Amino acid sequence: MNILYFLVGCSVLMALIFLAAFFWAYKTGQNDDVHTPGIRMLFDDEAAAEKSEEDHFSS
């Protein structure tokens, strides 16, 4: 029975840590722009393809 008290205490402590991390991320602006990263990933392949072509031709 004592282990249950320990496990409940650990889970509450972990929940508080994750809650504090969430509020810290929210306060520092981590979630300000959720639309642009979804669009940005569409353009990353072009830059990587151009770089690989440059590396291929320079060898």
N, C-alpha and C. Protein backbone atom coordinates (compact mmCIF):
# COMPACT_ATOMS: atom_id res chain seq x y z
N MET A 1 0.81 -1.19 0.00
CA MET A 1 0.00 0.00 0.00
C MET A 1 0.86 1.26 0.00
N ASN A 2 2.02 1.18 0.65
CA ASN A 2 2.90 2.35 0.69
C ASN A 2 3.41 2.72 -0.69
N ILE A 3 3.61 1.73 -1.55
CA ILE A 3 4.11 2.01 -2.90
C ILE A 3 3.10 2.82 -3.70
N LEU A 4 1.81 2.63 -3.44
CA LEU A 4 0.79 3.41 -4.13
C LEU A 4 0.90 4.88 -3.78
N TYR A 5 1.13 5.19 -2.53
CA TYR A 5 1.31 6.59 -2.13
C TYR A 5 2.53 7.20 -2.82
N PHE A 6 3.59 6.42 -2.90
CA PHE A 6 4.80 6.89 -3.57
C PHE A 6 4.55 7.13 -5.05
N LEU A 7 3.88 6.19 -5.72
CA LEU A 7 3.62 6.32 -7.15
C LEU A 7 2.66 7.47 -7.45
N VAL A 8 1.66 7.66 -6.63
CA VAL A 8 0.73 8.78 -6.82
C VAL A 8 1.48 10.10 -6.63
N GLY A 9 2.33 10.16 -5.63
CA GLY A 9 3.13 11.37 -5.41
C GLY A 9 4.05 11.67 -6.58
N CYS A 10 4.70 10.63 -7.11
CA CYS A 10 5.59 10.81 -8.26
C CYS A 10 4.81 11.27 -9.49
N SER A 11 3.62 10.70 -9.70
CA SER A 11 2.84 11.09 -10.87
C SER A 11 2.33 12.52 -10.75
N VAL A 12 1.95 12.94 -9.57
CA VAL A 12 1.52 14.32 -9.37
C VAL A 12 2.70 15.27 -9.58
N LEU A 13 3.86 14.91 -9.09
CA LEU A 13 5.05 15.74 -9.29
C LEU A 13 5.40 15.86 -10.78
N MET A 14 5.35 14.76 -11.50
CA MET A 14 5.63 14.79 -12.94
C MET A 14 4.59 15.63 -13.68
N ALA A 15 3.33 15.52 -13.29
CA ALA A 15 2.28 16.31 -13.93
C ALA A 15 2.52 17.80 -13.70
N LEU A 16 2.95 18.17 -12.50
CA LEU A 16 3.24 19.58 -12.21
C LEU A 16 4.44 20.08 -13.01
N ILE A 17 5.44 19.22 -13.20
CA ILE A 17 6.60 19.60 -14.00
C ILE A 17 6.19 19.83 -15.45
N PHE A 18 5.38 18.93 -16.01
CA PHE A 18 4.92 19.10 -17.39
C PHE A 18 4.01 20.32 -17.52
N LEU A 19 3.20 20.58 -16.54
CA LEU A 19 2.35 21.77 -16.57
C LEU A 19 3.19 23.04 -16.53
N ALA A 20 4.21 23.05 -15.70
CA ALA A 20 5.11 24.21 -15.64
C ALA A 20 5.85 24.39 -16.96
N ALA A 21 6.28 23.29 -17.58
CA ALA A 21 6.96 23.38 -18.88
C ALA A 21 6.02 23.91 -19.95
N PHE A 22 4.76 23.50 -19.91
CA PHE A 22 3.78 24.01 -20.88
C PHE A 22 3.58 25.50 -20.71
N PHE A 23 3.39 25.96 -19.48
CA PHE A 23 3.19 27.39 -19.26
C PHE A 23 4.43 28.19 -19.61
N TRP A 24 5.62 27.64 -19.37
CA TRP A 24 6.85 28.33 -19.76
C TRP A 24 6.92 28.48 -21.28
N ALA A 25 6.59 27.39 -22.01
CA ALA A 25 6.62 27.44 -23.47
C ALA A 25 5.58 28.42 -24.00
N TYR A 26 4.43 28.45 -23.39
CA TYR A 26 3.39 29.37 -23.81
C TYR A 26 3.79 30.82 -23.55
N LYS A 27 4.42 31.05 -22.41
CA LYS A 27 4.81 32.42 -22.04
C LYS A 27 5.95 32.94 -22.92
N THR A 28 6.84 32.06 -23.36
CA THR A 28 7.98 32.51 -24.16
C THR A 28 7.67 32.55 -25.65
N GLY A 29 6.44 32.23 -26.05
CA GLY A 29 6.05 32.39 -27.45
C GLY A 29 6.34 31.19 -28.33
N GLN A 30 6.45 30.01 -27.77
CA GLN A 30 6.74 28.83 -28.56
C GLN A 30 5.60 28.48 -29.50
N ASN A 31 4.38 28.84 -29.16
CA ASN A 31 3.21 28.47 -29.95
C ASN A 31 2.57 29.66 -30.64
N ASP A 32 3.32 30.72 -30.89
CA ASP A 32 2.74 31.90 -31.50
C ASP A 32 2.32 31.66 -32.94
N ASP A 33 3.14 31.00 -33.72
CA ASP A 33 2.86 30.80 -35.14
C ASP A 33 2.81 29.31 -35.44
N VAL A 34 1.62 28.77 -35.55
CA VAL A 34 1.49 27.34 -35.82
C VAL A 34 1.19 27.08 -37.30
N HIS A 35 0.97 28.13 -38.08
CA HIS A 35 0.63 27.96 -39.49
C HIS A 35 1.86 27.91 -40.39
N THR A 36 2.84 28.75 -40.15
CA THR A 36 4.02 28.86 -41.01
C THR A 36 4.86 27.59 -41.07
N PRO A 37 5.13 26.88 -39.98
CA PRO A 37 5.94 25.66 -40.09
C PRO A 37 5.32 24.61 -41.02
N GLY A 38 4.00 24.55 -41.07
CA GLY A 38 3.35 23.62 -41.97
C GLY A 38 3.57 23.97 -43.42
N ILE A 39 3.67 25.26 -43.70
CA ILE A 39 3.93 25.70 -45.07
C ILE A 39 5.42 25.60 -45.38
N ARG A 40 6.26 25.91 -44.40
CA ARG A 40 7.70 25.92 -44.61
C ARG A 40 8.24 24.54 -45.00
N MET A 41 7.62 23.50 -44.48
CA MET A 41 8.12 22.17 -44.79
C MET A 41 7.90 21.82 -46.26
N LEU A 42 6.99 22.51 -46.93
CA LEU A 42 6.78 22.25 -48.35
C LEU A 42 7.92 22.80 -49.20
N PHE A 43 8.63 23.79 -48.70
CA PHE A 43 9.69 24.42 -49.47
C PHE A 43 11.08 23.91 -49.12
N ASP A 44 11.23 23.13 -48.06
CA ASP A 44 12.55 22.65 -47.66
C ASP A 44 13.14 21.67 -48.67
N ASP A 45 12.32 20.90 -49.36
CA ASP A 45 12.84 19.92 -50.30
C ASP A 45 13.52 20.58 -51.49
N GLU A 46 13.04 21.74 -51.92
CA GLU A 46 13.67 22.43 -53.04
C GLU A 46 15.09 22.88 -52.68
N ALA A 47 15.27 23.42 -51.51
CA ALA A 47 16.60 23.89 -51.10
C ALA A 47 17.55 22.71 -50.95
N ALA A 48 17.08 21.61 -50.40
CA ALA A 48 17.92 20.43 -50.25
C ALA A 48 18.26 19.83 -51.60
N ALA A 49 17.32 19.84 -52.54
CA ALA A 49 17.57 19.29 -53.87
C ALA A 49 18.59 20.14 -54.62
N GLU A 50 18.49 21.47 -54.48
CA GLU A 50 19.46 22.36 -55.14
C GLU A 50 20.85 22.15 -54.57
N LYS A 51 20.96 22.00 -53.27
CA LYS A 51 22.26 21.81 -52.65
C LYS A 51 22.87 20.48 -53.07
N SER A 52 22.05 19.43 -53.15
CA SER A 52 22.59 18.13 -53.55
C SER A 52 23.03 18.16 -55.01
N GLU A 53 22.33 18.94 -55.85
CA GLU A 53 22.75 19.06 -57.24
C GLU A 53 24.08 19.82 -57.33
N GLU A 54 24.25 20.86 -56.51
CA GLU A 54 25.50 21.60 -56.51
C GLU A 54 26.65 20.72 -56.04
N ASP A 55 26.43 19.91 -55.02
CA ASP A 55 27.45 19.01 -54.54
C ASP A 55 27.78 17.95 -55.59
N HIS A 56 26.79 17.51 -56.33
CA HIS A 56 27.00 16.49 -57.35
C HIS A 56 27.83 17.03 -58.50
N PHE A 57 27.54 18.27 -58.93
CA PHE A 57 28.26 18.85 -60.06
C PHE A 57 29.66 19.33 -59.67
N SER A 58 29.87 19.64 -58.41
CA SER A 58 31.19 20.15 -58.01
C SER A 58 32.20 19.02 -57.81
N SER A 59 31.75 17.76 -57.72
CA SER A 59 32.70 16.67 -57.53
C SER A 59 33.29 16.16 -58.79
